[in-house]
N, C-alpha and C. Protein backbone atom coordinates (compact mmCIF):
# COMPACT_ATOMS: atom_id res chain seq x y z
N MET A 1 -15.00 57.17 26.35
CA MET A 1 -15.19 56.07 25.45
C MET A 1 -13.83 55.83 24.69
N GLU A 2 -13.53 54.42 24.71
CA GLU A 2 -12.23 54.17 23.97
C GLU A 2 -12.28 54.39 22.48
N GLN A 3 -11.21 54.51 21.84
CA GLN A 3 -11.32 54.83 20.39
C GLN A 3 -11.49 53.33 19.75
N LEU A 4 -12.34 53.29 18.70
CA LEU A 4 -12.41 52.07 18.12
C LEU A 4 -11.24 51.70 17.28
N PRO A 5 -10.84 50.43 17.14
CA PRO A 5 -9.74 49.90 16.37
C PRO A 5 -9.67 50.33 14.93
N ILE A 6 -8.50 50.70 14.44
CA ILE A 6 -8.42 50.97 13.03
C ILE A 6 -8.50 49.77 12.23
N VAL A 7 -9.29 49.63 11.26
CA VAL A 7 -9.41 48.42 10.38
C VAL A 7 -8.84 48.64 8.99
N ARG A 8 -7.80 48.09 8.58
CA ARG A 8 -7.20 48.35 7.39
C ARG A 8 -7.58 47.14 6.42
N PRO A 9 -7.42 47.45 5.09
CA PRO A 9 -7.66 46.33 4.09
C PRO A 9 -7.24 45.02 4.36
N GLY A 10 -7.91 44.14 4.29
CA GLY A 10 -7.53 42.70 4.68
C GLY A 10 -7.70 42.31 6.05
N GLU A 11 -8.33 43.25 6.93
CA GLU A 11 -8.47 42.91 8.24
C GLU A 11 -10.01 43.04 8.75
N ARG A 12 -10.34 42.65 9.78
CA ARG A 12 -11.64 42.69 10.31
C ARG A 12 -11.70 42.88 11.78
N VAL A 13 -12.83 43.34 12.37
CA VAL A 13 -12.96 43.59 13.81
C VAL A 13 -13.52 42.34 14.31
N VAL A 14 -12.96 41.93 15.42
CA VAL A 14 -13.59 40.71 16.13
C VAL A 14 -13.81 41.17 17.52
N ALA A 15 -14.99 40.55 18.16
CA ALA A 15 -15.36 40.85 19.37
C ALA A 15 -15.31 39.57 20.39
N ARG A 16 -14.70 39.78 21.48
CA ARG A 16 -14.60 38.61 22.30
C ARG A 16 -15.15 39.07 23.81
N SER A 17 -15.66 38.05 24.50
CA SER A 17 -16.07 38.40 25.84
C SER A 17 -14.93 38.57 26.90
N ASP A 18 -15.07 39.52 27.65
CA ASP A 18 -14.02 39.69 28.68
C ASP A 18 -14.31 39.00 29.96
N GLY A 19 -15.54 38.20 30.02
CA GLY A 19 -15.76 37.47 31.15
C GLY A 19 -16.42 38.20 32.25
N LYS A 20 -16.68 39.42 32.08
CA LYS A 20 -17.48 40.22 33.06
C LYS A 20 -18.67 40.85 32.46
N GLY A 21 -19.17 40.33 31.33
CA GLY A 21 -20.33 40.92 30.70
C GLY A 21 -19.98 41.98 29.57
N GLY A 22 -18.75 42.19 29.47
CA GLY A 22 -18.40 43.17 28.48
C GLY A 22 -17.69 42.52 27.28
N LEU A 23 -17.32 43.46 26.31
CA LEU A 23 -16.65 42.87 25.06
C LEU A 23 -15.28 43.54 24.89
N ILE A 24 -14.42 42.84 24.24
CA ILE A 24 -13.14 43.30 23.93
C ILE A 24 -13.01 43.23 22.52
N LEU A 25 -12.80 44.49 21.84
CA LEU A 25 -12.70 44.60 20.39
C LEU A 25 -11.24 44.42 20.05
N GLY A 26 -11.08 43.69 18.86
CA GLY A 26 -9.72 43.59 18.41
C GLY A 26 -9.62 43.54 16.90
N VAL A 27 -8.56 43.52 16.18
CA VAL A 27 -8.40 43.40 14.83
C VAL A 27 -7.53 42.36 14.51
N GLU A 28 -7.99 41.47 13.45
CA GLU A 28 -7.11 40.35 13.04
C GLU A 28 -7.15 40.42 11.44
N LYS A 29 -6.20 39.78 10.88
CA LYS A 29 -6.13 39.58 9.50
C LYS A 29 -7.36 38.60 9.03
N ILE A 30 -7.87 38.81 7.90
CA ILE A 30 -8.92 37.96 7.37
C ILE A 30 -8.26 36.68 6.71
N GLN A 31 -8.52 35.51 7.29
CA GLN A 31 -8.02 34.26 6.61
C GLN A 31 -8.96 33.83 5.63
N GLY A 32 -9.05 34.56 4.55
CA GLY A 32 -10.07 34.25 3.54
C GLY A 32 -9.93 32.98 2.70
N ARG A 33 -8.70 32.61 2.63
CA ARG A 33 -8.42 31.47 1.65
C ARG A 33 -7.32 30.62 2.43
N GLU A 34 -7.62 29.45 2.48
CA GLU A 34 -6.61 28.47 3.20
C GLU A 34 -6.20 27.42 2.19
N PHE A 35 -4.90 27.08 2.10
CA PHE A 35 -4.42 26.28 1.22
C PHE A 35 -4.46 24.72 1.73
N ALA A 36 -5.06 23.96 0.88
CA ALA A 36 -5.32 22.54 1.32
C ALA A 36 -4.50 21.78 0.26
N VAL A 37 -3.72 20.55 0.86
CA VAL A 37 -3.03 19.91 0.04
C VAL A 37 -3.02 18.37 0.50
N SER A 38 -2.99 17.47 -0.37
CA SER A 38 -2.80 16.02 -0.05
C SER A 38 -2.07 15.38 -1.05
N ALA A 39 -1.90 14.06 -1.09
CA ALA A 39 -1.16 13.36 -2.00
C ALA A 39 -1.64 13.55 -3.47
N GLU A 40 -3.02 13.69 -3.58
CA GLU A 40 -3.45 13.74 -4.94
C GLU A 40 -4.18 14.97 -5.38
N VAL A 41 -4.61 15.74 -4.39
CA VAL A 41 -5.40 17.10 -4.60
C VAL A 41 -4.68 18.19 -3.95
N ARG A 42 -4.78 19.30 -4.70
CA ARG A 42 -4.26 20.52 -3.96
C ARG A 42 -5.08 21.76 -4.47
N GLY A 43 -5.37 22.64 -3.70
CA GLY A 43 -6.07 23.95 -4.17
C GLY A 43 -6.50 24.75 -3.06
N TYR A 44 -7.21 25.81 -3.20
CA TYR A 44 -7.62 26.72 -2.21
C TYR A 44 -9.10 26.55 -1.80
N VAL A 45 -9.45 26.72 -0.57
CA VAL A 45 -10.71 26.54 -0.10
C VAL A 45 -10.99 27.93 0.57
N LEU A 46 -12.27 28.42 0.33
CA LEU A 46 -12.65 29.61 1.03
C LEU A 46 -13.16 29.31 2.37
N ASP A 47 -12.44 29.92 3.42
CA ASP A 47 -12.92 29.70 4.84
C ASP A 47 -13.16 28.07 5.08
N ALA A 48 -12.03 27.35 4.98
CA ALA A 48 -12.29 25.97 5.12
C ALA A 48 -12.89 25.49 6.49
N ARG A 49 -12.40 26.17 7.58
CA ARG A 49 -12.92 25.87 8.87
C ARG A 49 -14.51 25.98 8.95
N LEU A 50 -14.98 27.14 8.44
CA LEU A 50 -16.39 27.33 8.44
C LEU A 50 -17.09 26.28 7.63
N LEU A 51 -16.60 26.02 6.44
CA LEU A 51 -17.35 24.86 5.72
C LEU A 51 -17.44 23.62 6.46
N LEU A 52 -16.23 23.31 7.00
CA LEU A 52 -16.18 21.92 7.74
C LEU A 52 -17.03 22.03 8.92
N ASP A 53 -17.12 23.24 9.59
CA ASP A 53 -17.99 23.28 10.77
C ASP A 53 -19.37 23.08 10.46
N VAL A 54 -19.86 23.58 9.28
CA VAL A 54 -21.13 23.46 8.84
C VAL A 54 -21.43 21.99 8.58
N LEU A 55 -20.54 21.41 7.76
CA LEU A 55 -20.87 19.98 7.36
C LEU A 55 -20.78 19.13 8.57
N GLY A 56 -19.93 19.37 9.43
CA GLY A 56 -19.84 18.54 10.69
C GLY A 56 -21.07 18.64 11.63
N GLY A 57 -21.76 19.67 11.39
CA GLY A 57 -23.03 19.84 12.30
C GLY A 57 -24.28 19.55 11.63
N LEU A 58 -24.24 19.24 10.27
CA LEU A 58 -25.31 19.02 9.50
C LEU A 58 -25.89 17.61 9.67
N LYS A 59 -27.00 17.40 10.11
CA LYS A 59 -27.65 16.09 10.16
C LYS A 59 -28.17 15.78 8.88
N ALA A 60 -27.30 15.13 8.01
CA ALA A 60 -27.76 14.69 6.76
C ALA A 60 -27.30 13.29 6.50
N PRO A 61 -27.84 12.56 5.56
CA PRO A 61 -27.29 11.30 5.07
C PRO A 61 -25.89 11.23 4.83
N GLY A 62 -25.20 10.26 5.04
CA GLY A 62 -23.72 10.11 4.76
C GLY A 62 -23.59 10.16 3.22
N SER A 63 -24.52 9.79 2.44
CA SER A 63 -24.38 9.93 0.99
C SER A 63 -24.22 11.18 0.51
N TRP A 64 -24.94 12.21 1.20
CA TRP A 64 -24.71 13.55 0.75
C TRP A 64 -23.32 14.07 0.94
N PHE A 65 -22.71 13.76 2.07
CA PHE A 65 -21.41 14.25 2.23
C PHE A 65 -20.37 13.58 1.18
N GLN A 66 -20.71 12.35 0.93
CA GLN A 66 -19.85 11.57 -0.20
C GLN A 66 -19.80 12.39 -1.54
N VAL A 67 -21.02 12.76 -1.85
CA VAL A 67 -21.26 13.45 -3.12
C VAL A 67 -20.51 14.76 -3.08
N TRP A 68 -20.83 15.48 -1.94
CA TRP A 68 -20.22 16.73 -1.92
C TRP A 68 -18.71 16.68 -1.98
N CYS A 69 -18.07 15.81 -1.23
CA CYS A 69 -16.68 15.67 -1.25
C CYS A 69 -16.00 15.40 -2.56
N LYS A 70 -16.72 14.44 -3.30
CA LYS A 70 -16.31 14.00 -4.59
C LYS A 70 -16.36 15.21 -5.57
N LEU A 71 -17.40 16.12 -5.40
CA LEU A 71 -17.53 17.27 -6.44
C LEU A 71 -16.33 18.16 -6.12
N MET A 72 -16.08 18.41 -4.80
CA MET A 72 -14.83 19.34 -4.58
C MET A 72 -13.55 18.73 -4.97
N ALA A 73 -13.47 17.31 -4.92
CA ALA A 73 -12.27 16.76 -5.34
C ALA A 73 -12.18 16.93 -6.91
N LEU A 74 -13.17 16.84 -7.54
CA LEU A 74 -13.24 16.98 -9.13
C LEU A 74 -12.98 18.54 -9.58
N GLN A 75 -12.95 19.47 -8.66
CA GLN A 75 -12.51 20.80 -9.03
C GLN A 75 -11.08 20.90 -8.92
N SER A 76 -10.39 20.45 -10.03
CA SER A 76 -8.92 20.48 -10.06
C SER A 76 -8.39 21.81 -10.28
N ALA A 77 -7.27 22.04 -9.53
CA ALA A 77 -6.55 23.37 -9.69
C ALA A 77 -5.22 23.18 -10.29
N VAL A 78 -4.92 21.97 -10.71
CA VAL A 78 -3.54 21.71 -11.33
C VAL A 78 -3.36 22.31 -12.66
N ARG A 79 -2.49 23.33 -12.89
CA ARG A 79 -2.39 24.00 -14.10
C ARG A 79 -1.94 23.04 -15.19
N ALA A 80 -1.15 22.00 -14.79
CA ALA A 80 -0.66 21.04 -15.79
C ALA A 80 -1.78 20.35 -16.63
N GLU A 81 -2.97 20.37 -15.98
CA GLU A 81 -4.09 19.66 -16.60
C GLU A 81 -4.96 20.66 -17.57
N ASP A 82 -4.45 21.90 -17.70
CA ASP A 82 -5.23 23.00 -18.51
C ASP A 82 -5.37 22.48 -19.93
N LYS A 83 -4.31 21.90 -20.51
CA LYS A 83 -4.43 21.56 -21.86
C LYS A 83 -5.26 20.17 -22.21
N THR A 84 -5.41 19.44 -21.08
CA THR A 84 -6.12 18.22 -21.31
C THR A 84 -7.47 18.11 -20.56
N ARG A 85 -7.83 19.20 -19.71
CA ARG A 85 -9.11 19.10 -19.00
C ARG A 85 -10.20 19.31 -19.94
N ALA A 86 -11.31 18.68 -19.63
CA ALA A 86 -12.57 18.66 -20.53
C ALA A 86 -13.33 19.94 -20.34
N VAL A 87 -13.28 20.57 -19.21
CA VAL A 87 -13.98 21.88 -18.92
C VAL A 87 -12.92 22.98 -18.41
N PRO A 88 -13.31 24.18 -18.57
CA PRO A 88 -12.49 25.22 -17.96
C PRO A 88 -12.25 25.05 -16.43
N ARG A 89 -11.16 25.67 -15.88
CA ARG A 89 -10.86 25.64 -14.46
C ARG A 89 -12.09 26.36 -13.83
N GLY A 90 -12.39 25.79 -12.70
CA GLY A 90 -13.48 26.45 -11.87
C GLY A 90 -14.80 25.64 -12.19
N PHE A 91 -14.84 24.65 -13.02
CA PHE A 91 -15.96 23.92 -13.35
C PHE A 91 -15.77 22.48 -13.13
N VAL A 92 -16.86 21.70 -13.04
CA VAL A 92 -16.69 20.24 -12.74
C VAL A 92 -17.50 19.47 -13.90
N LYS A 93 -16.83 18.60 -14.58
CA LYS A 93 -17.42 17.74 -15.57
C LYS A 93 -17.85 16.39 -14.95
N THR A 94 -19.12 16.21 -14.86
CA THR A 94 -19.65 14.97 -14.16
C THR A 94 -21.05 14.76 -14.46
N ASN A 95 -21.64 13.63 -14.14
CA ASN A 95 -23.11 13.49 -14.34
C ASN A 95 -23.52 12.63 -13.23
N GLN A 96 -24.70 12.22 -13.23
CA GLN A 96 -25.40 11.37 -12.18
C GLN A 96 -24.62 9.98 -12.19
N ARG A 97 -24.52 9.35 -13.41
CA ARG A 97 -23.92 8.09 -13.47
C ARG A 97 -22.54 8.06 -13.15
N ASP A 98 -21.77 9.10 -13.35
CA ASP A 98 -20.36 9.20 -12.95
C ASP A 98 -20.21 9.37 -11.46
N LEU A 99 -21.08 10.17 -10.91
CA LEU A 99 -21.07 10.24 -9.41
C LEU A 99 -21.50 8.96 -8.66
N GLN A 100 -22.46 8.26 -9.33
CA GLN A 100 -22.84 6.81 -8.71
C GLN A 100 -21.59 6.06 -8.66
N ALA A 101 -20.85 6.01 -9.75
CA ALA A 101 -19.68 5.14 -9.75
C ALA A 101 -18.55 5.54 -8.80
N ARG A 102 -18.35 6.81 -8.79
CA ARG A 102 -17.22 7.45 -7.96
C ARG A 102 -17.54 7.23 -6.46
N CYS A 103 -18.94 7.32 -6.12
CA CYS A 103 -19.27 7.26 -4.72
C CYS A 103 -19.87 5.90 -4.30
N ASN A 104 -20.12 5.04 -5.29
CA ASN A 104 -20.65 3.73 -5.14
C ASN A 104 -22.05 3.90 -4.46
N LEU A 105 -22.76 4.71 -4.87
CA LEU A 105 -24.13 4.95 -4.49
C LEU A 105 -25.23 4.70 -5.53
N SER A 106 -26.45 4.66 -5.05
CA SER A 106 -27.59 4.46 -5.94
C SER A 106 -27.90 5.71 -6.71
N ALA A 107 -28.78 5.73 -7.73
CA ALA A 107 -29.04 6.80 -8.45
C ALA A 107 -29.94 7.75 -7.67
N ALA A 108 -30.70 7.21 -6.84
CA ALA A 108 -31.71 7.94 -5.99
C ALA A 108 -30.90 8.75 -4.94
N SER A 109 -29.84 8.15 -4.41
CA SER A 109 -28.96 8.81 -3.36
C SER A 109 -28.27 9.97 -3.86
N VAL A 110 -27.67 9.92 -5.02
CA VAL A 110 -26.94 10.87 -5.86
C VAL A 110 -27.92 12.00 -6.22
N ASN A 111 -28.98 11.54 -6.75
CA ASN A 111 -29.96 12.65 -7.32
C ASN A 111 -30.46 13.37 -6.06
N GLU A 112 -30.88 12.82 -4.91
CA GLU A 112 -31.23 13.62 -3.83
C GLU A 112 -30.30 14.53 -3.23
N ALA A 113 -28.96 14.13 -3.27
CA ALA A 113 -27.92 14.96 -2.70
C ALA A 113 -27.58 16.12 -3.77
N SER A 114 -27.67 15.87 -4.91
CA SER A 114 -27.52 16.99 -6.05
C SER A 114 -28.66 17.91 -5.71
N GLN A 115 -29.79 17.42 -5.74
CA GLN A 115 -30.89 18.50 -5.64
C GLN A 115 -30.87 19.34 -4.33
N PHE A 116 -30.35 18.73 -3.19
CA PHE A 116 -30.25 19.48 -2.02
C PHE A 116 -29.16 20.58 -2.23
N PHE A 117 -28.06 20.18 -2.51
CA PHE A 117 -26.90 21.16 -2.77
C PHE A 117 -27.16 22.33 -3.76
N THR A 118 -27.90 21.91 -4.88
CA THR A 118 -28.44 22.97 -5.71
C THR A 118 -29.52 23.85 -5.08
N HIS A 119 -30.34 23.21 -4.16
CA HIS A 119 -31.33 24.01 -3.51
C HIS A 119 -30.71 25.07 -2.55
N ILE A 120 -29.65 24.66 -1.87
CA ILE A 120 -29.05 25.59 -0.92
C ILE A 120 -27.99 26.57 -1.42
N GLY A 121 -27.87 26.39 -2.82
CA GLY A 121 -26.96 27.29 -3.57
C GLY A 121 -25.48 27.00 -3.54
N TRP A 122 -25.21 25.70 -3.24
CA TRP A 122 -23.76 25.33 -3.14
C TRP A 122 -23.33 24.95 -4.49
N MET A 123 -24.14 24.81 -5.49
CA MET A 123 -23.71 24.33 -6.72
C MET A 123 -24.82 24.76 -7.94
N ARG A 124 -24.49 24.83 -9.06
CA ARG A 124 -25.53 25.00 -10.12
C ARG A 124 -25.00 24.16 -11.41
N SER A 125 -25.99 23.88 -12.25
CA SER A 125 -25.77 23.30 -13.56
C SER A 125 -25.44 24.30 -14.51
N ALA A 126 -24.25 24.23 -14.93
CA ALA A 126 -23.81 25.29 -15.99
C ALA A 126 -24.37 24.76 -17.39
N LYS A 127 -24.14 23.59 -17.78
CA LYS A 127 -24.64 22.91 -18.92
C LYS A 127 -24.82 21.44 -18.53
N ARG A 128 -25.24 20.68 -19.52
CA ARG A 128 -25.60 19.26 -19.46
C ARG A 128 -24.14 18.62 -19.12
N GLY A 129 -24.13 18.13 -17.83
CA GLY A 129 -22.85 17.34 -17.53
C GLY A 129 -21.75 18.24 -16.96
N ILE A 130 -22.05 19.63 -16.77
CA ILE A 130 -21.03 20.48 -16.33
C ILE A 130 -21.66 21.26 -15.08
N LEU A 131 -21.01 21.22 -14.12
CA LEU A 131 -21.35 21.84 -12.85
C LEU A 131 -20.48 22.95 -12.35
N GLN A 132 -20.89 23.98 -11.68
CA GLN A 132 -20.16 24.96 -11.16
C GLN A 132 -20.33 24.97 -9.62
N LEU A 133 -19.37 24.72 -8.83
CA LEU A 133 -19.62 24.89 -7.41
C LEU A 133 -19.63 26.45 -7.02
N ASN A 134 -20.23 26.69 -5.95
CA ASN A 134 -20.41 28.17 -5.69
C ASN A 134 -19.08 28.77 -5.38
N PRO A 135 -18.64 29.80 -6.22
CA PRO A 135 -17.30 30.25 -5.86
C PRO A 135 -17.11 31.16 -4.75
N TRP A 136 -18.23 31.60 -3.94
CA TRP A 136 -17.99 32.10 -2.67
C TRP A 136 -17.76 31.14 -1.52
N LEU A 137 -18.06 29.97 -1.74
CA LEU A 137 -18.02 28.83 -0.80
C LEU A 137 -16.78 28.07 -0.90
N THR A 138 -16.49 27.68 -2.14
CA THR A 138 -15.24 26.81 -2.36
C THR A 138 -14.81 26.94 -3.80
N VAL A 139 -13.34 27.26 -3.92
CA VAL A 139 -12.83 27.47 -5.18
C VAL A 139 -11.44 27.00 -5.28
N ALA A 140 -11.01 26.48 -6.24
CA ALA A 140 -9.63 25.94 -6.57
C ALA A 140 -9.01 26.90 -7.49
N GLY A 141 -8.46 27.90 -7.20
CA GLY A 141 -7.76 28.79 -8.23
C GLY A 141 -7.31 30.05 -7.58
N THR A 142 -6.84 31.06 -8.40
CA THR A 142 -6.36 32.12 -7.95
C THR A 142 -7.51 33.23 -7.51
N SER A 143 -7.05 34.30 -6.84
CA SER A 143 -8.13 35.24 -6.59
C SER A 143 -8.70 35.88 -7.80
N GLY A 144 -7.91 36.17 -9.00
CA GLY A 144 -8.43 36.75 -10.04
C GLY A 144 -9.40 35.76 -10.68
N GLU A 145 -9.17 34.38 -10.79
CA GLU A 145 -10.05 33.43 -11.22
C GLU A 145 -11.36 33.48 -10.43
N GLN A 146 -11.10 33.51 -9.14
CA GLN A 146 -12.26 33.57 -8.22
C GLN A 146 -13.28 34.67 -8.59
N GLU A 147 -12.79 35.81 -8.82
CA GLU A 147 -13.62 36.98 -9.13
C GLU A 147 -14.34 36.71 -10.52
N THR A 148 -13.56 36.02 -11.49
CA THR A 148 -14.11 35.73 -12.82
C THR A 148 -15.29 34.67 -12.71
N TRP A 149 -15.18 33.82 -11.76
CA TRP A 149 -16.13 32.71 -11.56
C TRP A 149 -17.39 33.35 -10.78
N GLN A 150 -17.08 34.23 -9.92
CA GLN A 150 -18.16 34.94 -9.20
C GLN A 150 -18.99 35.71 -10.22
N LYS A 151 -18.39 36.25 -11.19
CA LYS A 151 -19.11 37.00 -12.23
C LYS A 151 -19.89 36.11 -13.03
N ILE A 152 -19.40 34.86 -13.46
CA ILE A 152 -20.03 33.98 -14.29
C ILE A 152 -21.25 33.47 -13.48
N TRP A 153 -21.19 33.22 -12.16
CA TRP A 153 -22.28 32.69 -11.32
C TRP A 153 -23.33 33.82 -11.30
N ASN A 154 -22.99 35.03 -11.15
CA ASN A 154 -24.02 36.11 -11.04
C ASN A 154 -24.73 36.33 -12.32
N GLU A 155 -23.91 36.23 -13.47
CA GLU A 155 -24.57 36.51 -14.76
C GLU A 155 -25.50 35.36 -15.13
N ALA A 156 -25.33 34.04 -14.54
CA ALA A 156 -26.03 32.96 -14.77
C ALA A 156 -27.29 33.02 -13.85
N LYS A 157 -27.34 33.96 -12.87
CA LYS A 157 -28.35 34.09 -11.87
C LYS A 157 -28.34 32.85 -11.08
N GLY A 158 -27.13 32.41 -10.65
CA GLY A 158 -27.14 31.25 -9.80
C GLY A 158 -27.81 31.40 -8.38
N PRO A 159 -28.24 30.40 -7.75
CA PRO A 159 -29.03 30.63 -6.62
C PRO A 159 -28.29 31.10 -5.41
N ALA A 160 -28.83 31.74 -4.55
CA ALA A 160 -28.15 32.41 -3.37
C ALA A 160 -27.74 31.26 -2.36
N CYS A 161 -26.53 31.37 -1.81
CA CYS A 161 -26.04 30.52 -0.89
C CYS A 161 -26.63 30.37 0.32
N ILE A 162 -27.10 29.28 0.99
CA ILE A 162 -27.70 29.18 2.23
C ILE A 162 -26.66 28.32 3.13
N ILE A 163 -26.50 28.85 4.29
CA ILE A 163 -25.74 27.99 5.22
C ILE A 163 -26.78 27.30 6.15
N PRO A 164 -27.07 26.06 5.96
CA PRO A 164 -28.30 25.40 6.64
C PRO A 164 -27.94 25.12 8.11
N HIS A 165 -29.03 25.22 8.84
CA HIS A 165 -28.80 24.81 10.33
C HIS A 165 -28.80 23.28 10.32
N PRO A 166 -28.42 22.53 11.38
CA PRO A 166 -28.32 21.15 11.57
C PRO A 166 -29.55 20.32 11.10
N ASN A 167 -30.68 20.87 11.40
CA ASN A 167 -32.04 20.07 10.99
C ASN A 167 -32.55 20.36 9.72
N TYR A 168 -32.00 21.30 8.96
CA TYR A 168 -32.54 21.76 7.74
C TYR A 168 -32.73 20.56 6.62
N PRO A 169 -31.75 19.70 6.69
CA PRO A 169 -32.01 18.54 5.65
C PRO A 169 -33.21 17.88 5.90
N ALA A 170 -33.61 17.50 7.14
CA ALA A 170 -34.82 16.86 7.51
C ALA A 170 -36.06 17.71 7.09
N GLU A 171 -35.95 19.08 7.39
CA GLU A 171 -37.13 19.85 7.02
C GLU A 171 -37.29 19.94 5.53
N TRP A 172 -36.19 19.95 4.84
CA TRP A 172 -36.22 19.92 3.31
C TRP A 172 -36.96 18.75 2.75
N ARG A 173 -36.60 17.61 3.30
CA ARG A 173 -37.15 16.31 2.92
C ARG A 173 -38.63 16.23 3.20
N LEU A 174 -39.07 16.76 4.43
CA LEU A 174 -40.41 16.83 4.63
C LEU A 174 -41.32 17.81 3.70
N ALA A 175 -40.68 18.91 3.40
CA ALA A 175 -41.23 19.85 2.55
C ALA A 175 -41.33 19.23 1.07
N ARG A 176 -40.41 18.47 0.65
CA ARG A 176 -40.55 17.85 -0.66
C ARG A 176 -41.57 16.79 -0.73
N GLU A 177 -41.62 16.03 0.35
CA GLU A 177 -42.61 15.00 0.58
C GLU A 177 -44.08 15.54 0.43
N ALA A 178 -44.22 16.72 1.17
CA ALA A 178 -45.46 17.25 1.25
C ALA A 178 -45.96 17.86 -0.08
N GLU A 179 -44.99 18.41 -0.85
CA GLU A 179 -45.18 18.96 -2.18
C GLU A 179 -45.61 17.80 -3.07
N LYS A 180 -44.82 16.65 -3.00
CA LYS A 180 -45.19 15.57 -3.87
C LYS A 180 -46.76 14.95 -3.67
N LYS A 181 -47.05 14.95 -2.21
CA LYS A 181 -48.33 14.52 -2.00
C LYS A 181 -49.37 15.55 -2.50
N ALA A 182 -49.06 16.78 -2.35
CA ALA A 182 -49.96 17.89 -2.82
C ALA A 182 -50.24 17.70 -4.34
N ILE A 183 -49.18 17.58 -5.06
CA ILE A 183 -49.27 17.36 -6.60
C ILE A 183 -50.10 16.06 -6.94
N GLU A 184 -49.83 14.91 -6.24
CA GLU A 184 -50.58 13.72 -6.45
C GLU A 184 -52.03 13.87 -6.04
N ALA A 185 -52.35 14.59 -5.03
CA ALA A 185 -53.74 14.75 -4.65
C ALA A 185 -54.46 15.52 -5.53
N ALA A 186 -53.67 16.62 -6.05
CA ALA A 186 -54.40 17.55 -7.18
C ALA A 186 -54.58 16.73 -8.40
N ARG A 187 -53.66 15.73 -8.75
CA ARG A 187 -53.81 15.00 -9.84
C ARG A 187 -54.99 14.12 -9.85
N ARG A 188 -55.26 13.50 -8.69
CA ARG A 188 -56.39 12.52 -8.49
C ARG A 188 -57.68 13.30 -8.43
N LYS A 189 -57.72 14.62 -8.14
CA LYS A 189 -58.99 15.34 -8.04
C LYS A 189 -59.43 15.77 -9.47
N GLU A 190 -58.49 15.76 -10.40
CA GLU A 190 -58.91 16.11 -11.87
C GLU A 190 -60.04 15.26 -12.30
N LYS A 191 -61.04 15.89 -12.90
CA LYS A 191 -62.12 15.10 -13.52
C LYS A 191 -61.62 14.33 -14.78
N VAL A 192 -62.02 13.05 -14.76
CA VAL A 192 -61.87 12.32 -15.95
C VAL A 192 -62.95 12.33 -16.88
N VAL A 193 -62.87 12.76 -18.00
CA VAL A 193 -63.98 12.82 -19.00
C VAL A 193 -64.00 11.65 -19.80
N THR A 194 -64.97 10.84 -19.92
CA THR A 194 -64.98 9.70 -20.77
C THR A 194 -65.60 10.10 -22.10
N LEU A 195 -64.84 9.97 -23.05
CA LEU A 195 -65.34 10.19 -24.42
C LEU A 195 -66.17 9.13 -25.00
N ARG A 196 -67.38 9.50 -25.48
CA ARG A 196 -68.39 8.56 -25.98
C ARG A 196 -67.70 8.07 -27.39
N GLN A 197 -67.89 6.75 -27.58
CA GLN A 197 -67.43 6.21 -28.93
C GLN A 197 -68.48 6.57 -29.81
N ARG A 198 -68.18 6.99 -31.06
CA ARG A 198 -69.13 7.20 -32.09
C ARG A 198 -69.41 5.95 -32.73
N ARG A 199 -70.72 5.71 -32.97
CA ARG A 199 -71.21 4.56 -33.45
C ARG A 199 -70.80 4.69 -35.07
N PRO A 200 -70.51 3.54 -35.66
CA PRO A 200 -70.08 3.45 -37.09
C PRO A 200 -71.21 3.79 -37.97
N VAL A 201 -71.00 4.62 -38.88
CA VAL A 201 -72.09 5.12 -39.78
C VAL A 201 -72.41 4.06 -40.87
N ARG A 202 -73.71 3.51 -40.80
CA ARG A 202 -74.00 2.44 -41.64
C ARG A 202 -74.38 3.01 -43.08
N LYS A 203 -73.78 2.55 -44.11
CA LYS A 203 -74.18 2.97 -45.44
C LYS A 203 -75.62 2.49 -45.75
N ALA A 204 -76.09 3.40 -46.34
CA ALA A 204 -77.62 3.22 -46.91
C ALA A 204 -77.54 2.14 -47.97
N THR A 205 -78.55 1.16 -47.80
CA THR A 205 -78.54 0.05 -48.87
C THR A 205 -79.43 0.56 -49.97
N ALA A 206 -79.21 0.07 -51.07
CA ALA A 206 -80.03 0.53 -52.26
C ALA A 206 -81.41 -0.30 -52.29
């Protein structure tokens, strides 16, 4: 039996097919953080290829992608903005009306997208108008800041992150619709008790 590869800190074991029904084990450096830069936005993204692969295969409304992309863009990593930013680094200051304007979407579309990404643990509401994106999924900051934000997420009991399969959005929508119908049916079954009106008491005449 061949000796297993030595795995050092910052490395991982990868297995590839040899084309003959066997596996070839190797070691590669972990590309945990990739630097993304554009004309207006710059920052770090955790495993960007995995995130884009998941989003690319997700059968979800285009409005959901718009909302998620805007939320990521609002997670500014520019240190020059530290003195003027409304919230600490690692958090996003926005609300439904702001996202509506930024994405040019209806309130219903923004609300549904926000509920879905909260449900799958990709973001949480820290305070009114302040969101935190899951620091294990995407973060714009240093590794030390990332650890701090992970601690904040855990202490706030943030939802566990789900990597949804392509058809999960449709399943989630069906489950929500079924839940709404069940609540409405239960409400209709409630007995309505009609209170009798009391007759006015007549004063005795002398």
